[in-house]
Amino acid sequence: LSGQDSLLSIVQMPAGVPVATFAIGEAGATNAALFAVSLLAVTDPALSNALDAYRFARREQAANSILPTDESGKDPGAARVR
């Protein structure tokens, strides 16, 4: 099931068994790593600074990205967002 069976078993853990679940695939692996780093960064100022720098760089990258447009130059998804 490409990992979906594992995800479904994890999200049904009983009370007292805390789990953090993330997307399946590369995005999930990245987010899991960032989650772990954020936990460690609570007591490690250097790690906290590195995480802040990473997040700032990602935010800048997103802000500077060019969104796809249709022939009219408009965002094709804009009409669907309400």
N, C-alpha and C. Protein backbone atom coordinates (compact mmCIF):
# COMPACT_ATOMS: atom_id res chain seq x y z
N LEU A 1 0.81 -1.20 0.00
CA LEU A 1 0.00 0.00 0.00
C LEU A 1 0.85 1.26 0.00
N SER A 2 2.12 1.16 -0.32
CA SER A 2 3.02 2.31 -0.41
C SER A 2 3.13 3.08 0.90
N GLY A 3 3.05 2.40 2.01
CA GLY A 3 3.20 3.04 3.30
C GLY A 3 1.90 3.47 3.94
N GLN A 4 0.81 3.42 3.21
CA GLN A 4 -0.47 3.86 3.76
C GLN A 4 -0.94 2.95 4.89
N ASP A 5 -0.68 1.65 4.78
CA ASP A 5 -1.08 0.73 5.84
C ASP A 5 -0.36 1.06 7.14
N SER A 6 0.90 1.41 7.04
CA SER A 6 1.67 1.80 8.23
C SER A 6 1.12 3.08 8.84
N LEU A 7 0.82 4.05 8.00
CA LEU A 7 0.27 5.31 8.48
C LEU A 7 -1.05 5.09 9.20
N LEU A 8 -1.91 4.26 8.62
CA LEU A 8 -3.20 3.99 9.24
C LEU A 8 -3.05 3.31 10.60
N SER A 9 -2.08 2.42 10.74
CA SER A 9 -1.88 1.76 12.03
C SER A 9 -1.33 2.73 13.07
N ILE A 10 -0.54 3.68 12.65
CA ILE A 10 0.05 4.65 13.58
C ILE A 10 -0.99 5.62 14.12
N VAL A 11 -1.88 6.10 13.27
CA VAL A 11 -2.83 7.11 13.71
C VAL A 11 -3.91 6.54 14.62
N GLN A 12 -3.94 5.23 14.79
CA GLN A 12 -4.94 4.61 15.66
C GLN A 12 -4.34 4.14 16.98
N MET A 13 -3.24 4.76 17.40
CA MET A 13 -2.61 4.39 18.67
C MET A 13 -3.52 4.76 19.83
N PRO A 14 -3.52 3.93 20.88
CA PRO A 14 -4.36 4.23 22.04
C PRO A 14 -3.79 5.38 22.86
N ALA A 15 -4.61 5.91 23.76
CA ALA A 15 -4.16 6.96 24.66
C ALA A 15 -2.95 6.47 25.45
N GLY A 16 -2.00 7.34 25.65
CA GLY A 16 -0.79 6.97 26.38
C GLY A 16 0.35 6.55 25.48
N VAL A 17 0.11 6.46 24.19
CA VAL A 17 1.15 6.11 23.22
C VAL A 17 1.23 7.26 22.21
N PRO A 18 1.88 8.38 22.60
CA PRO A 18 1.92 9.53 21.71
C PRO A 18 2.78 9.26 20.47
N VAL A 19 2.30 9.68 19.35
CA VAL A 19 3.05 9.54 18.10
C VAL A 19 2.93 10.84 17.31
N ALA A 20 3.93 11.11 16.51
CA ALA A 20 3.88 12.23 15.58
C ALA A 20 3.85 11.60 14.19
N THR A 21 2.85 11.93 13.41
CA THR A 21 2.74 11.36 12.07
C THR A 21 2.97 12.44 11.03
N PHE A 22 3.53 12.02 9.91
CA PHE A 22 3.87 12.94 8.84
C PHE A 22 3.46 12.31 7.51
N ALA A 23 3.50 13.10 6.48
CA ALA A 23 3.14 12.62 5.14
C ALA A 23 4.03 11.45 4.73
N ILE A 24 3.55 10.69 3.80
CA ILE A 24 4.31 9.57 3.25
C ILE A 24 5.21 10.11 2.15
N GLY A 25 6.44 9.66 2.11
CA GLY A 25 7.36 10.06 1.05
C GLY A 25 8.38 11.08 1.51
N GLU A 26 9.02 11.72 0.54
CA GLU A 26 10.12 12.64 0.82
C GLU A 26 9.68 13.83 1.68
N ALA A 27 8.50 14.38 1.41
CA ALA A 27 8.01 15.51 2.21
C ALA A 27 7.83 15.10 3.66
N GLY A 28 7.30 13.91 3.88
CA GLY A 28 7.11 13.43 5.24
C GLY A 28 8.43 13.21 5.96
N ALA A 29 9.40 12.68 5.25
CA ALA A 29 10.72 12.46 5.84
C ALA A 29 11.36 13.79 6.23
N THR A 30 11.23 14.78 5.36
CA THR A 30 11.77 16.11 5.65
C THR A 30 11.08 16.70 6.87
N ASN A 31 9.76 16.62 6.91
CA ASN A 31 9.02 17.18 8.04
C ASN A 31 9.32 16.44 9.34
N ALA A 32 9.51 15.14 9.27
CA ALA A 32 9.86 14.37 10.46
C ALA A 32 11.23 14.81 11.00
N ALA A 33 12.17 15.00 10.10
CA ALA A 33 13.50 15.46 10.51
C ALA A 33 13.42 16.85 11.13
N LEU A 34 12.65 17.73 10.51
CA LEU A 34 12.51 19.09 11.05
C LEU A 34 11.83 19.08 12.42
N PHE A 35 10.87 18.19 12.59
CA PHE A 35 10.20 18.05 13.89
C PHE A 35 11.21 17.61 14.95
N ALA A 36 12.02 16.62 14.62
CA ALA A 36 13.03 16.14 15.57
C ALA A 36 14.03 17.24 15.91
N VAL A 37 14.46 17.97 14.90
CA VAL A 37 15.39 19.08 15.13
C VAL A 37 14.75 20.14 16.02
N SER A 38 13.47 20.42 15.79
CA SER A 38 12.81 21.44 16.61
C SER A 38 12.73 21.01 18.08
N LEU A 39 12.57 19.72 18.34
CA LEU A 39 12.57 19.24 19.72
C LEU A 39 13.95 19.40 20.35
N LEU A 40 14.98 19.05 19.61
CA LEU A 40 16.35 19.17 20.13
C LEU A 40 16.77 20.63 20.28
N ALA A 41 16.23 21.50 19.42
CA ALA A 41 16.61 22.91 19.43
C ALA A 41 16.12 23.64 20.68
N VAL A 42 15.18 23.05 21.40
CA VAL A 42 14.67 23.68 22.62
C VAL A 42 15.80 23.91 23.62
N THR A 43 16.75 22.99 23.67
CA THR A 43 17.85 23.11 24.63
C THR A 43 19.21 23.34 23.97
N ASP A 44 19.22 23.59 22.67
CA ASP A 44 20.48 23.79 21.95
C ASP A 44 20.39 25.08 21.14
N PRO A 45 20.94 26.19 21.66
CA PRO A 45 20.83 27.47 20.96
C PRO A 45 21.41 27.46 19.54
N ALA A 46 22.50 26.75 19.33
CA ALA A 46 23.09 26.71 17.98
C ALA A 46 22.14 26.01 17.01
N LEU A 47 21.54 24.93 17.46
CA LEU A 47 20.59 24.21 16.63
C LEU A 47 19.34 25.06 16.38
N SER A 48 18.92 25.78 17.41
CA SER A 48 17.77 26.68 17.27
C SER A 48 18.05 27.76 16.22
N ASN A 49 19.24 28.33 16.26
CA ASN A 49 19.61 29.35 15.27
C ASN A 49 19.67 28.77 13.87
N ALA A 50 20.20 27.57 13.74
CA ALA A 50 20.27 26.93 12.43
C ALA A 50 18.88 26.64 11.89
N LEU A 51 17.98 26.20 12.75
CA LEU A 51 16.61 25.93 12.34
C LEU A 51 15.91 27.22 11.93
N ASP A 52 16.11 28.29 12.69
CA ASP A 52 15.53 29.59 12.33
C ASP A 52 16.04 30.04 10.96
N ALA A 53 17.33 29.86 10.71
CA ALA A 53 17.90 30.25 9.42
C ALA A 53 17.32 29.42 8.29
N TYR A 54 17.14 28.13 8.52
CA TYR A 54 16.55 27.25 7.50
C TYR A 54 15.12 27.70 7.19
N ARG A 55 14.35 27.96 8.24
CA ARG A 55 12.96 28.37 8.03
C ARG A 55 12.88 29.72 7.32
N PHE A 56 13.76 30.64 7.67
CA PHE A 56 13.78 31.94 7.00
C PHE A 56 14.10 31.75 5.51
N ALA A 57 15.09 30.91 5.21
CA ALA A 57 15.46 30.67 3.81
C ALA A 57 14.31 30.05 3.03
N ARG A 58 13.60 29.11 3.65
CA ARG A 58 12.45 28.48 2.97
C ARG A 58 11.33 29.49 2.74
N ARG A 59 11.11 30.37 3.73
CA ARG A 59 10.08 31.39 3.60
C ARG A 59 10.43 32.35 2.46
N GLU A 60 11.70 32.75 2.38
CA GLU A 60 12.15 33.62 1.30
C GLU A 60 12.01 32.93 -0.06
N GLN A 61 12.36 31.66 -0.11
CA GLN A 61 12.24 30.89 -1.34
C GLN A 61 10.79 30.85 -1.81
N ALA A 62 9.88 30.62 -0.89
CA ALA A 62 8.46 30.57 -1.24
C ALA A 62 7.96 31.94 -1.69
N ALA A 63 8.39 32.98 -1.00
CA ALA A 63 7.94 34.34 -1.34
C ALA A 63 8.45 34.76 -2.71
N ASN A 64 9.60 34.26 -3.10
CA ASN A 64 10.20 34.65 -4.38
C ASN A 64 9.88 33.69 -5.52
N SER A 65 9.09 32.66 -5.26
CA SER A 65 8.78 31.70 -6.31
C SER A 65 7.77 32.29 -7.28
N ILE A 66 7.81 31.81 -8.49
CA ILE A 66 6.90 32.26 -9.53
C ILE A 66 5.80 31.22 -9.66
N LEU A 67 4.56 31.66 -9.46
CA LEU A 67 3.43 30.74 -9.56
C LEU A 67 3.06 30.52 -11.01
N PRO A 68 2.55 29.34 -11.34
CA PRO A 68 2.13 29.08 -12.72
C PRO A 68 0.94 29.97 -13.09
N THR A 69 0.88 30.35 -14.34
CA THR A 69 -0.23 31.16 -14.83
C THR A 69 -0.82 30.52 -16.07
N ASP A 70 -2.05 30.90 -16.39
CA ASP A 70 -2.65 30.42 -17.63
C ASP A 70 -2.35 31.43 -18.74
N GLU A 71 -2.97 31.28 -19.89
CA GLU A 71 -2.69 32.14 -21.04
C GLU A 71 -2.98 33.61 -20.75
N SER A 72 -3.93 33.89 -19.87
CA SER A 72 -4.29 35.28 -19.57
C SER A 72 -3.33 35.92 -18.58
N GLY A 73 -2.41 35.13 -18.02
CA GLY A 73 -1.48 35.66 -17.04
C GLY A 73 -1.99 35.57 -15.62
N LYS A 74 -3.16 34.95 -15.44
CA LYS A 74 -3.74 34.82 -14.10
C LYS A 74 -3.43 33.44 -13.52
N ASP A 75 -3.46 33.38 -12.22
CA ASP A 75 -3.27 32.12 -11.52
C ASP A 75 -4.45 31.20 -11.83
N PRO A 76 -4.23 30.03 -12.45
CA PRO A 76 -5.34 29.15 -12.82
C PRO A 76 -6.11 28.61 -11.63
N GLY A 77 -5.53 28.59 -10.46
CA GLY A 77 -6.22 28.08 -9.29
C GLY A 77 -6.98 29.14 -8.52
N ALA A 78 -6.76 30.40 -8.86
CA ALA A 78 -7.37 31.49 -8.09
C ALA A 78 -8.89 31.44 -8.13
N ALA A 79 -9.46 31.08 -9.26
CA ALA A 79 -10.92 31.05 -9.38
C ALA A 79 -11.53 29.95 -8.53
N ARG A 80 -10.76 28.89 -8.26
CA ARG A 80 -11.29 27.77 -7.48
C ARG A 80 -11.21 28.01 -5.98
N VAL A 81 -10.36 28.94 -5.56
CA VAL A 81 -10.18 29.21 -4.13
C VAL A 81 -11.25 30.19 -3.68
N ARG A 82 -12.01 29.79 -2.71
CA ARG A 82 -13.09 30.67 -2.21
C ARG A 82 -12.99 30.77 -0.72
